[in-house]
Protein backbone atom coordinates (compact mmCIF):
# COMPACT_ATOMS: atom_id res chain seq x y z
CA UNK A 1 0.13 -0.24 0.15
CA UNK A 2 1.38 3.21 -1.13
CA UNK A 3 1.45 6.23 1.48
CA UNK A 4 0.78 9.40 0.17
CA UNK A 5 1.86 12.87 1.31
CA UNK A 6 -0.39 15.78 2.77
CA UNK A 7 0.01 17.46 -0.52
CA UNK A 8 -0.98 14.74 -2.69
CA UNK A 9 -3.78 13.67 -0.17
CA UNK A 10 -5.33 17.22 -0.48
CA UNK A 11 -5.12 17.64 -4.49
CA UNK A 12 -6.60 13.65 -4.70
CA UNK A 13 -9.60 14.97 -2.19
CA UNK A 14 -10.02 18.31 -4.07
CA UNK A 15 -9.27 20.53 -0.84
CA UNK A 16 -6.40 22.72 0.52
CA UNK A 17 -3.41 21.43 2.67
CA UNK A 18 -4.47 23.48 5.64
CA UNK A 19 -8.22 21.85 5.09
CA UNK A 20 -6.32 18.17 5.79
CA UNK A 21 -4.54 19.59 8.68
CA UNK A 22 -8.01 21.22 10.24
CA UNK A 23 -10.17 17.48 9.65
CA UNK A 24 -7.14 16.05 11.22
CA UNK A 25 -7.26 18.44 14.25
CA UNK A 26 -10.98 18.18 14.54
CA UNK A 27 -10.90 14.29 14.92
CA UNK A 28 -12.58 13.65 11.19
CA UNK A 29 -9.57 12.00 9.85
CA UNK A 30 -6.93 9.88 12.15
CA UNK A 31 -3.50 11.37 12.82
CA UNK A 32 -1.63 9.89 10.04
CA UNK A 33 2.15 8.08 10.72
CA UNK A 34 4.88 9.96 10.39
CA UNK A 35 8.06 9.32 8.86
CA UNK A 36 11.68 9.80 10.67
CA UNK A 37 11.62 13.04 9.06
CA UNK A 38 8.47 14.11 10.48
CA UNK A 39 6.57 14.24 7.32
CA UNK A 40 2.87 12.87 7.47
CA UNK A 41 2.09 9.56 5.68
CA UNK A 42 -1.43 9.05 4.75
CA UNK A 43 -3.04 6.07 3.76
CA UNK A 44 -5.36 5.93 0.40
CA UNK A 45 -8.45 5.24 2.46
CA UNK A 46 -8.06 8.84 3.51
CA UNK A 47 -8.79 10.71 0.27
CA UNK A 48 -12.23 8.92 0.26
CA UNK A 49 -13.16 9.67 3.66
CA UNK A 50 -12.04 13.44 2.78
CA UNK A 51 -14.15 13.35 -0.18
CA UNK A 52 -17.10 12.17 1.97
CA UNK A 53 -16.56 15.06 4.25
CA UNK A 54 -16.46 17.66 1.29
CA UNK A 55 -19.64 16.58 -0.51
CA UNK A 56 -21.27 16.53 2.98
CA UNK A 57 -20.26 20.11 3.44
CA UNK A 58 -21.42 21.03 0.02
CA UNK A 59 -24.84 19.75 1.05
CA UNK A 60 -24.74 21.74 4.05
CA UNK A 61 -23.70 19.34 6.59
CA UNK A 62 -21.88 20.99 9.60
CA UNK A 63 -18.88 19.01 11.08
CA UNK A 64 -21.01 18.05 13.96
CA UNK A 65 -23.20 16.36 11.61
CA UNK A 66 -20.33 14.76 9.37
CA UNK A 67 -18.86 13.19 12.58
CA UNK A 68 -22.37 11.67 13.40
CA UNK A 69 -22.88 10.53 9.53
CA UNK A 70 -19.42 8.96 9.66
CA UNK A 71 -20.02 6.90 12.92
CA UNK A 72 -23.18 5.72 11.63
CA UNK A 73 -21.40 4.08 9.19
CA UNK A 74 -19.37 2.55 11.73
CA UNK A 75 -22.07 1.44 14.00
CA UNK A 76 -23.26 -2.28 13.46
CA UNK A 77 -26.58 -1.22 15.07
CA UNK A 78 -26.90 2.10 12.77
CA UNK A 79 -29.47 1.19 9.77
CA UNK A 80 -30.22 3.42 6.42
CA UNK A 81 -33.15 4.73 8.02
CA UNK A 82 -30.75 6.23 10.60
CA UNK A 83 -29.12 8.12 7.99
CA UNK A 84 -32.00 8.93 5.94
CA UNK A 85 -33.56 10.81 9.55
CA UNK A 86 -30.29 12.92 9.50
CA UNK A 87 -30.78 13.87 5.50
CA UNK A 88 -34.58 14.81 6.22
CA UNK A 89 -33.75 16.81 9.23
CA UNK A 90 -30.85 18.40 7.02
CA UNK A 91 -33.72 19.34 4.34
CA UNK A 92 -36.11 20.73 7.28
CA UNK A 93 -33.00 22.67 8.29
CA UNK A 94 -32.43 24.14 4.98
CA UNK A 95 -36.15 24.82 4.20
CA UNK A 96 -36.24 26.65 7.33
CA UNK A 97 -33.21 28.46 6.25
CA UNK A 98 -34.59 29.32 2.83
CA UNK A 99 -38.05 30.83 4.18
CA UNK A 100 -35.80 33.21 6.90
CA UNK A 101 -33.63 34.32 3.65
CA UNK A 102 -36.58 35.08 1.75
CA UNK A 103 -38.15 37.08 4.52
CA UNK A 104 -35.09 39.16 4.77
CA UNK A 105 -34.93 39.58 1.15
CA UNK A 106 -38.59 41.21 1.17
CA UNK A 107 -37.68 43.34 3.77
CA UNK A 108 -34.56 44.52 2.13
CA UNK A 109 -36.74 44.95 -1.22
CA UNK A 110 -39.19 46.99 1.06
CA UNK A 111 -36.51 49.35 2.27
CA UNK A 112 -34.70 49.69 -0.97
CA UNK A 113 -38.07 50.80 -2.57
CA UNK A 114 -38.72 53.26 0.49
CA UNK A 115 -35.38 54.92 -0.62
CA UNK A 116 -35.14 57.14 -3.34
CA UNK A 117 -31.15 56.97 -3.55
CA UNK A 118 -30.52 60.81 -3.44
CA UNK A 119 -30.19 63.06 -0.30
CA UNK A 120 -28.55 63.35 3.13
CA UNK A 121 -27.80 59.93 4.67
CA UNK A 122 -29.22 61.54 7.84
CA UNK A 123 -32.79 61.20 6.38
CA UNK A 124 -32.19 57.86 4.74
CA UNK A 125 -35.43 55.32 5.25
CA UNK A 126 -32.64 52.48 4.98
CA UNK A 127 -30.48 53.69 7.74
CA UNK A 128 -33.74 55.25 9.87
CA UNK A 129 -35.16 51.26 9.71
CA UNK A 130 -31.88 49.98 10.76
CA UNK A 131 -31.48 52.46 13.66
CA UNK A 132 -35.25 51.29 14.47
CA UNK A 133 -36.71 54.40 14.14
CA UNK A 134 -39.22 53.29 11.50
CA UNK A 135 -41.30 50.19 12.01
CA UNK A 136 -41.09 49.50 8.16
CA UNK A 137 -38.63 46.44 8.52
């Protein structure tokens, strides 16, 4: 089995070297063995794990949630239903965030429409709303 340098692992996983070190510090990947020179020697399987972490992050999972997903894979008593529940929970979280973002967008559009874009900032309706002087926000 070939051992990989941190640079090769990072390249193959599509992430940066500092990200590999960060995931190692966070316990998402095991600390690699080191050569006598002190250089890290990663096993090839680490690339797969890092790709898993990267894909999970792209789907919005937090590091805590990724840690839970990884542990489900190793838990002999866990089932696919447990993983599905994690995914459904994440979908509900994303939908909630989308609703919040839509509300924020609506409020900002309303503020932008109320502002003529001319005049002194001391009478800017957007700044006044942010100061809490206007209940329009």
